[in-house]
Amino acid sequence: MTLNQASMTVSDVIHAHFDALTRAERQLATSLLDNYPVSGLGSITTVAENAGVSTPTVARMVQKLGFRGFPDFQVRLHHELEATLSSPISKHDRWAANAPGTHILNRFADAIMTNLRQTLAQVEAAEFDGAAALLADRQRSIYIIGGRITKALADYLFTHLQVIRPNVTQIASNPSSWPHYVLNMKAGDVLVIFDIRRYEQEMETLGRVARERGVEIVLFTDQWASPVAKAAARVFRVHIEAPSAWDSSVVTLFIVEALIEAVQSSGWEETSGRMKTLEGLFEASRLFRKPRPEVSGKT
């Protein structure tokens, strides 16, 4: 990985170089990551003092990471912070100012394909398999919650998982109701959280409280990573940029659907039995229209 890769955040760069750092530099790197990105936004003296290292150590490490110097390092941090706080209006203005002259369908297709490639380059098979194993474990109860925009993704995952396996609960979006759900969570249960930029403070609180109870957290977030990531056992950092005032959910849905299939396949015998029972219930309730039989003979 190189610094000029658009998919890499400063935290990605630090993690990529961590093993090559000296003891003092690792101490500094850990300090920066503990309260990222805010911990790197002070003066070089403040950053050094907070980490308990010298200012030359800070200067050496940022250059070792590939930055031209500490100011260049901070510029990257400021750009990341600005991106995570972007409102739909500022996002639209930024895209509109640089929009190519192609049709919006082509611009969207290009952006989504780029998001997919960058996301898949960062998702490790072991991380995916670990999340699938947590969701497939029938001994664990599953809780799912989404934010203002991502609640549609949470609902989609819930709708499928409740067919595949028992003990799946969708948490209401009203934070005042969360304590009632947390009350029923046991150590080893799984909480799936969707939280993308303009991160919701309540999500971080819920994740922290659930983790303190021994709950395993699976997080779907963006490339910059929600604060919930600090408490999460499995994190999917999905690229979400699109030529729009809104972020794209396409690649997040791609990962969700792949997880659904992985969970379904891992316990297909039980899942197929549940599906047959469900179809019987649909039949009894006459929920879906049945095709009319063909009538033979002359008219």
Protein backbone atom coordinates (compact mmCIF):
# COMPACT_ATOMS: atom_id res chain seq x y z
CA MET A 1 0.00 0.00 0.00
CA THR A 2 1.15 3.53 -0.76
CA LEU A 3 0.18 6.92 0.52
CA ASN A 4 -1.25 8.07 -2.78
CA GLN A 5 -3.91 5.37 -2.72
CA ALA A 6 -7.25 7.16 -2.31
CA SER A 7 -8.63 4.26 -0.31
CA MET A 8 -6.15 4.70 2.55
CA THR A 9 -6.83 6.85 5.59
CA VAL A 10 -4.05 8.06 7.89
CA SER A 11 -5.01 5.31 10.34
CA ASP A 12 -4.62 2.76 7.50
CA VAL A 13 -1.12 4.10 6.86
CA ILE A 14 -0.20 3.91 10.55
CA HIS A 15 -1.43 0.31 10.80
CA ALA A 16 0.41 -0.64 7.61
CA HIS A 17 3.73 0.67 8.98
CA PHE A 18 3.24 -0.22 12.64
CA ASP A 19 5.55 -3.26 12.71
CA ALA A 20 8.41 -1.23 11.21
CA LEU A 21 8.25 1.52 13.85
CA THR A 22 10.61 1.90 16.80
CA ARG A 23 9.36 1.46 20.37
CA ALA A 24 8.90 5.24 20.84
CA GLU A 25 7.21 5.54 17.45
CA ARG A 26 4.82 2.71 18.32
CA GLN A 27 3.98 4.52 21.54
CA LEU A 28 3.20 7.62 19.47
CA ALA A 29 1.20 5.62 16.91
CA THR A 30 -0.90 4.05 19.67
CA SER A 31 -1.58 7.48 21.15
CA LEU A 32 -2.70 8.81 17.76
CA LEU A 33 -5.02 5.85 17.17
CA ASP A 34 -6.58 5.96 20.64
CA ASN A 35 -8.47 9.19 19.92
CA TYR A 36 -8.20 9.29 16.15
CA PRO A 37 -8.20 11.69 14.34
CA VAL A 38 -8.48 14.41 17.02
CA SER A 39 -5.26 13.27 18.75
CA GLY A 40 -3.21 14.34 15.74
CA LEU A 41 -4.70 17.81 15.28
CA GLY A 42 -2.76 19.71 17.95
CA SER A 43 0.67 21.26 17.60
CA ILE A 44 3.63 18.95 17.17
CA THR A 45 4.64 19.74 20.76
CA THR A 46 1.17 18.87 22.10
CA VAL A 47 1.03 15.61 20.11
CA ALA A 48 4.47 14.64 21.45
CA GLU A 49 3.57 15.48 25.06
CA ASN A 50 0.27 13.58 24.91
CA ALA A 51 2.13 10.50 23.66
CA GLY A 52 5.02 10.88 26.09
CA VAL A 53 7.62 11.12 23.32
CA SER A 54 9.92 13.83 21.94
CA THR A 55 9.02 16.19 19.10
CA PRO A 56 11.84 14.74 16.90
CA THR A 57 10.14 11.35 17.30
CA VAL A 58 6.92 12.82 15.90
CA ALA A 59 8.78 14.41 12.98
CA ARG A 60 10.64 11.18 12.17
CA MET A 61 7.56 8.98 12.35
CA VAL A 62 5.36 11.05 10.03
CA GLN A 63 8.16 11.04 7.46
CA LYS A 64 8.57 7.29 7.90
CA LEU A 65 4.85 6.99 7.14
CA GLY A 66 5.43 8.76 3.83
CA PHE A 67 4.37 12.32 4.61
CA ARG A 68 6.56 15.28 3.68
CA GLY A 69 6.39 16.54 7.26
CA PHE A 70 4.05 17.19 10.18
CA PRO A 71 2.04 19.92 8.34
CA ASP A 72 1.39 17.51 5.45
CA PHE A 73 0.33 14.86 7.98
CA GLN A 74 -2.17 17.26 9.56
CA VAL A 75 -3.56 18.36 6.19
CA ARG A 76 -4.53 14.73 5.53
CA LEU A 77 -6.17 14.48 8.95
CA HIS A 78 -8.14 17.69 8.38
CA HIS A 79 -9.34 16.44 5.00
CA GLU A 80 -10.55 13.20 6.59
CA LEU A 81 -12.32 15.05 9.40
CA GLU A 82 -14.00 17.36 6.89
CA ALA A 83 -15.16 14.37 4.84
CA THR A 84 -16.73 12.60 7.83
CA LEU A 85 -18.65 15.75 8.82
CA SER A 86 -19.86 16.66 5.32
CA SER A 87 -23.53 17.59 5.08
CA PRO A 88 -25.58 16.58 2.00
CA ILE A 89 -25.39 20.19 0.74
CA SER A 90 -21.59 20.41 0.97
CA LYS A 91 -21.27 16.96 -0.62
CA HIS A 92 -23.47 18.03 -3.53
CA ASP A 93 -21.52 21.25 -4.07
CA ARG A 94 -18.20 19.38 -4.04
CA TRP A 95 -19.37 16.82 -6.59
CA ALA A 96 -21.12 19.41 -8.79
CA ALA A 97 -17.97 21.53 -9.01
CA ASN A 98 -15.98 18.57 -10.37
CA ALA A 99 -18.67 16.70 -12.28
CA PRO A 100 -17.56 15.41 -15.69
CA GLY A 101 -19.74 15.94 -18.73
CA THR A 102 -21.00 12.36 -18.87
CA HIS A 103 -24.53 11.21 -18.07
CA ILE A 104 -25.40 10.77 -14.39
CA LEU A 105 -25.93 7.02 -14.94
CA ASN A 106 -22.33 6.68 -16.13
CA ARG A 107 -20.98 8.83 -13.31
CA PHE A 108 -22.85 6.74 -10.75
CA ALA A 109 -21.73 3.47 -12.32
CA ASP A 110 -18.09 4.59 -12.26
CA ALA A 111 -18.33 5.69 -8.62
CA ILE A 112 -20.03 2.48 -7.49
CA MET A 113 -17.53 0.25 -9.28
CA THR A 114 -14.68 2.20 -7.68
CA ASN A 115 -16.33 1.83 -4.27
CA LEU A 116 -16.73 -1.90 -4.80
CA ARG A 117 -13.10 -2.43 -5.84
CA GLN A 118 -11.72 -0.36 -2.95
CA THR A 119 -13.97 -2.06 -0.40
CA LEU A 120 -13.15 -5.59 -1.55
CA ALA A 121 -9.46 -4.74 -1.45
CA GLN A 122 -9.83 -4.01 2.28
CA VAL A 123 -12.27 -6.74 3.36
CA GLU A 124 -10.33 -9.77 4.50
CA ALA A 125 -11.90 -13.19 4.01
CA ALA A 126 -11.19 -14.10 7.64
CA GLU A 127 -13.03 -10.98 8.84
CA PHE A 128 -16.03 -11.80 6.65
CA ASP A 129 -16.07 -15.45 7.72
CA GLY A 130 -15.80 -14.44 11.37
CA ALA A 131 -18.83 -12.15 11.08
CA ALA A 132 -20.79 -14.85 9.26
CA ALA A 133 -19.93 -17.38 11.99
CA LEU A 134 -21.21 -15.02 14.69
CA LEU A 135 -24.49 -14.46 12.87
CA ALA A 136 -24.91 -18.18 12.12
CA ASP A 137 -24.36 -19.35 15.71
CA ARG A 138 -27.83 -20.37 16.91
CA GLN A 139 -26.66 -20.17 20.53
CA ARG A 140 -26.38 -16.40 20.19
CA SER A 141 -29.26 -13.95 19.96
CA ILE A 142 -28.91 -11.33 17.22
CA TYR A 143 -29.84 -7.65 17.58
CA ILE A 144 -29.80 -5.25 14.63
CA ILE A 145 -29.98 -1.45 14.48
CA GLY A 146 -29.50 1.22 11.83
CA GLY A 147 -29.33 4.99 11.80
CA ARG A 148 -31.45 7.65 10.13
CA ILE A 149 -30.46 6.51 6.63
CA THR A 150 -29.07 3.04 7.27
CA LYS A 151 -32.15 1.75 9.10
CA ALA A 152 -33.36 0.54 5.67
CA LEU A 153 -30.27 -1.70 5.47
CA ALA A 154 -30.86 -2.88 9.05
CA ASP A 155 -34.46 -3.75 8.16
CA TYR A 156 -33.30 -5.67 5.07
CA LEU A 157 -30.83 -7.74 7.09
CA PHE A 158 -33.41 -8.37 9.82
CA THR A 159 -36.09 -9.50 7.35
CA HIS A 160 -33.80 -12.20 5.97
CA LEU A 161 -32.10 -13.32 9.18
CA GLN A 162 -35.41 -13.85 10.99
CA VAL A 163 -36.30 -16.40 8.31
CA ILE A 164 -32.90 -18.08 8.38
CA ARG A 165 -32.60 -18.50 12.16
CA PRO A 166 -34.45 -17.85 15.45
CA ASN A 167 -33.79 -15.15 18.07
CA VAL A 168 -33.29 -12.16 15.79
CA THR A 169 -34.47 -8.76 17.01
CA GLN A 170 -34.57 -5.39 15.28
CA ILE A 171 -33.98 -2.55 17.74
CA ALA A 172 -36.28 0.46 17.46
CA SER A 173 -34.58 3.65 16.34
CA ASN A 174 -35.79 5.59 19.38
CA PRO A 175 -32.82 5.76 21.82
CA SER A 176 -35.15 5.91 24.81
CA SER A 177 -36.18 2.31 24.10
CA TRP A 178 -32.63 0.92 23.85
CA PRO A 179 -32.18 0.09 27.54
CA HIS A 180 -35.07 -2.39 27.25
CA TYR A 181 -33.25 -4.27 24.49
CA VAL A 182 -29.88 -4.13 26.26
CA LEU A 183 -31.56 -5.57 29.35
CA ASN A 184 -32.13 -8.82 27.43
CA MET A 185 -28.65 -9.01 25.88
CA LYS A 186 -26.35 -11.72 27.23
CA ALA A 187 -22.60 -12.15 26.96
CA GLY A 188 -21.87 -13.70 23.57
CA ASP A 189 -24.94 -12.26 21.84
CA VAL A 190 -24.37 -10.24 18.65
CA LEU A 191 -25.29 -6.61 17.99
CA VAL A 192 -25.14 -5.48 14.34
CA ILE A 193 -24.80 -1.70 14.00
CA PHE A 194 -24.99 0.38 10.83
CA ASP A 195 -23.34 3.79 11.28
CA ILE A 196 -21.96 5.96 8.49
CA ARG A 197 -20.54 9.48 8.43
CA ARG A 198 -22.20 12.19 10.48
CA TYR A 199 -22.01 9.39 13.00
CA GLU A 200 -24.81 9.26 15.56
CA GLN A 201 -23.68 9.77 19.15
CA GLU A 202 -26.28 7.33 20.44
CA MET A 203 -24.78 4.52 18.36
CA GLU A 204 -21.42 4.94 20.07
CA THR A 205 -23.14 4.87 23.47
CA LEU A 206 -25.15 1.75 22.60
CA GLY A 207 -22.06 -0.02 21.29
CA ARG A 208 -20.04 0.80 24.40
CA VAL A 209 -22.79 -0.31 26.80
CA ALA A 210 -23.41 -3.53 24.87
CA ARG A 211 -19.69 -4.34 24.74
CA GLU A 212 -19.46 -3.87 28.51
CA ARG A 213 -22.06 -6.66 28.79
CA GLY A 214 -19.93 -9.00 26.69
CA VAL A 215 -21.91 -8.55 23.47
CA GLU A 216 -20.04 -9.10 20.19
CA ILE A 217 -20.51 -6.14 17.83
CA VAL A 218 -20.50 -6.34 14.03
CA LEU A 219 -20.23 -2.86 12.53
CA PHE A 220 -21.06 -1.64 9.02
CA THR A 221 -19.49 1.77 8.55
CA ASP A 222 -17.69 3.89 5.96
CA GLN A 223 -14.03 4.13 4.96
CA TRP A 224 -13.30 6.59 7.77
CA ALA A 225 -14.85 4.32 10.44
CA SER A 226 -17.49 5.21 13.03
CA PRO A 227 -16.37 5.62 16.66
CA VAL A 228 -18.30 2.38 17.29
CA ALA A 229 -15.32 0.59 15.68
CA LYS A 230 -13.45 0.85 18.99
CA ALA A 231 -15.97 -1.55 20.58
CA ALA A 232 -16.59 -3.79 17.55
CA ALA A 233 -15.38 -7.37 17.11
CA ARG A 234 -15.88 -7.23 13.32
CA VAL A 235 -15.81 -4.07 11.20
CA PHE A 236 -16.80 -3.64 7.54
CA ARG A 237 -15.40 -0.35 6.26
CA VAL A 238 -17.34 0.26 3.06
CA HIS A 239 -16.61 2.99 0.53
CA ILE A 240 -19.74 5.10 0.11
CA GLU A 241 -18.82 8.16 -2.00
CA ALA A 242 -21.17 8.94 -4.90
CA PRO A 243 -21.78 11.89 -7.27
CA SER A 244 -24.71 13.01 -5.15
CA ALA A 245 -25.69 14.92 -2.04
CA TRP A 246 -26.22 11.48 -0.47
CA ASP A 247 -23.85 8.63 0.19
CA SER A 248 -24.28 5.35 -1.64
CA SER A 249 -25.54 2.19 0.08
CA VAL A 250 -24.95 -0.12 -2.88
CA VAL A 251 -21.70 -1.70 -1.71
CA THR A 252 -22.93 -1.97 1.88
CA LEU A 253 -25.96 -3.88 0.59
CA PHE A 254 -23.60 -6.07 -1.44
CA ILE A 255 -21.72 -7.08 1.73
CA VAL A 256 -24.99 -7.57 3.61
CA GLU A 257 -26.39 -9.87 0.92
CA ALA A 258 -23.17 -11.89 0.80
CA LEU A 259 -23.36 -12.33 4.59
CA ILE A 260 -26.99 -13.41 4.35
CA GLU A 261 -26.03 -16.15 1.90
CA ALA A 262 -23.09 -17.26 4.03
CA VAL A 263 -25.28 -17.56 7.12
CA GLN A 264 -28.05 -19.30 5.18
CA SER A 265 -25.70 -21.86 3.66
CA SER A 266 -23.98 -22.67 6.95
CA GLY A 267 -27.18 -24.05 8.45
CA TRP A 268 -29.22 -24.87 5.39
CA GLU A 269 -30.97 -27.92 6.83
CA GLU A 270 -32.52 -25.89 9.64
CA THR A 271 -33.09 -22.87 7.42
CA SER A 272 -34.89 -24.87 4.72
CA GLY A 273 -37.19 -26.33 7.38
CA ARG A 274 -38.01 -22.86 8.64
CA MET A 275 -38.68 -21.69 5.07
CA LYS A 276 -41.10 -24.57 4.46
CA THR A 277 -42.96 -23.75 7.65
CA LEU A 278 -43.06 -20.08 6.67
CA GLU A 279 -44.45 -20.92 3.23
CA GLY A 280 -47.20 -22.87 4.95
CA LEU A 281 -48.02 -19.84 7.06
CA PHE A 282 -48.11 -17.66 3.96
CA GLU A 283 -50.47 -20.16 2.36
CA ALA A 284 -52.74 -20.15 5.40
CA SER A 285 -52.82 -16.37 5.55
CA ARG A 286 -53.32 -16.02 1.77
CA LEU A 287 -50.72 -13.27 1.81
CA PHE A 288 -49.56 -13.79 -1.76
CA ARG A 289 -51.62 -14.16 -4.92
CA LYS A 290 -51.57 -17.60 -6.48
CA PRO A 291 -51.45 -18.05 -10.27
CA ARG A 292 -54.80 -18.93 -11.73
CA PRO A 293 -55.04 -22.41 -13.30
CA GLU A 294 -55.39 -22.44 -17.07
CA VAL A 295 -58.91 -23.18 -18.27
CA SER A 296 -59.07 -25.59 -21.19
CA GLY A 297 -61.84 -25.79 -23.74
CA LYS A 298 -63.51 -23.47 -26.16
CA THR A 299 -64.57 -19.96 -25.20
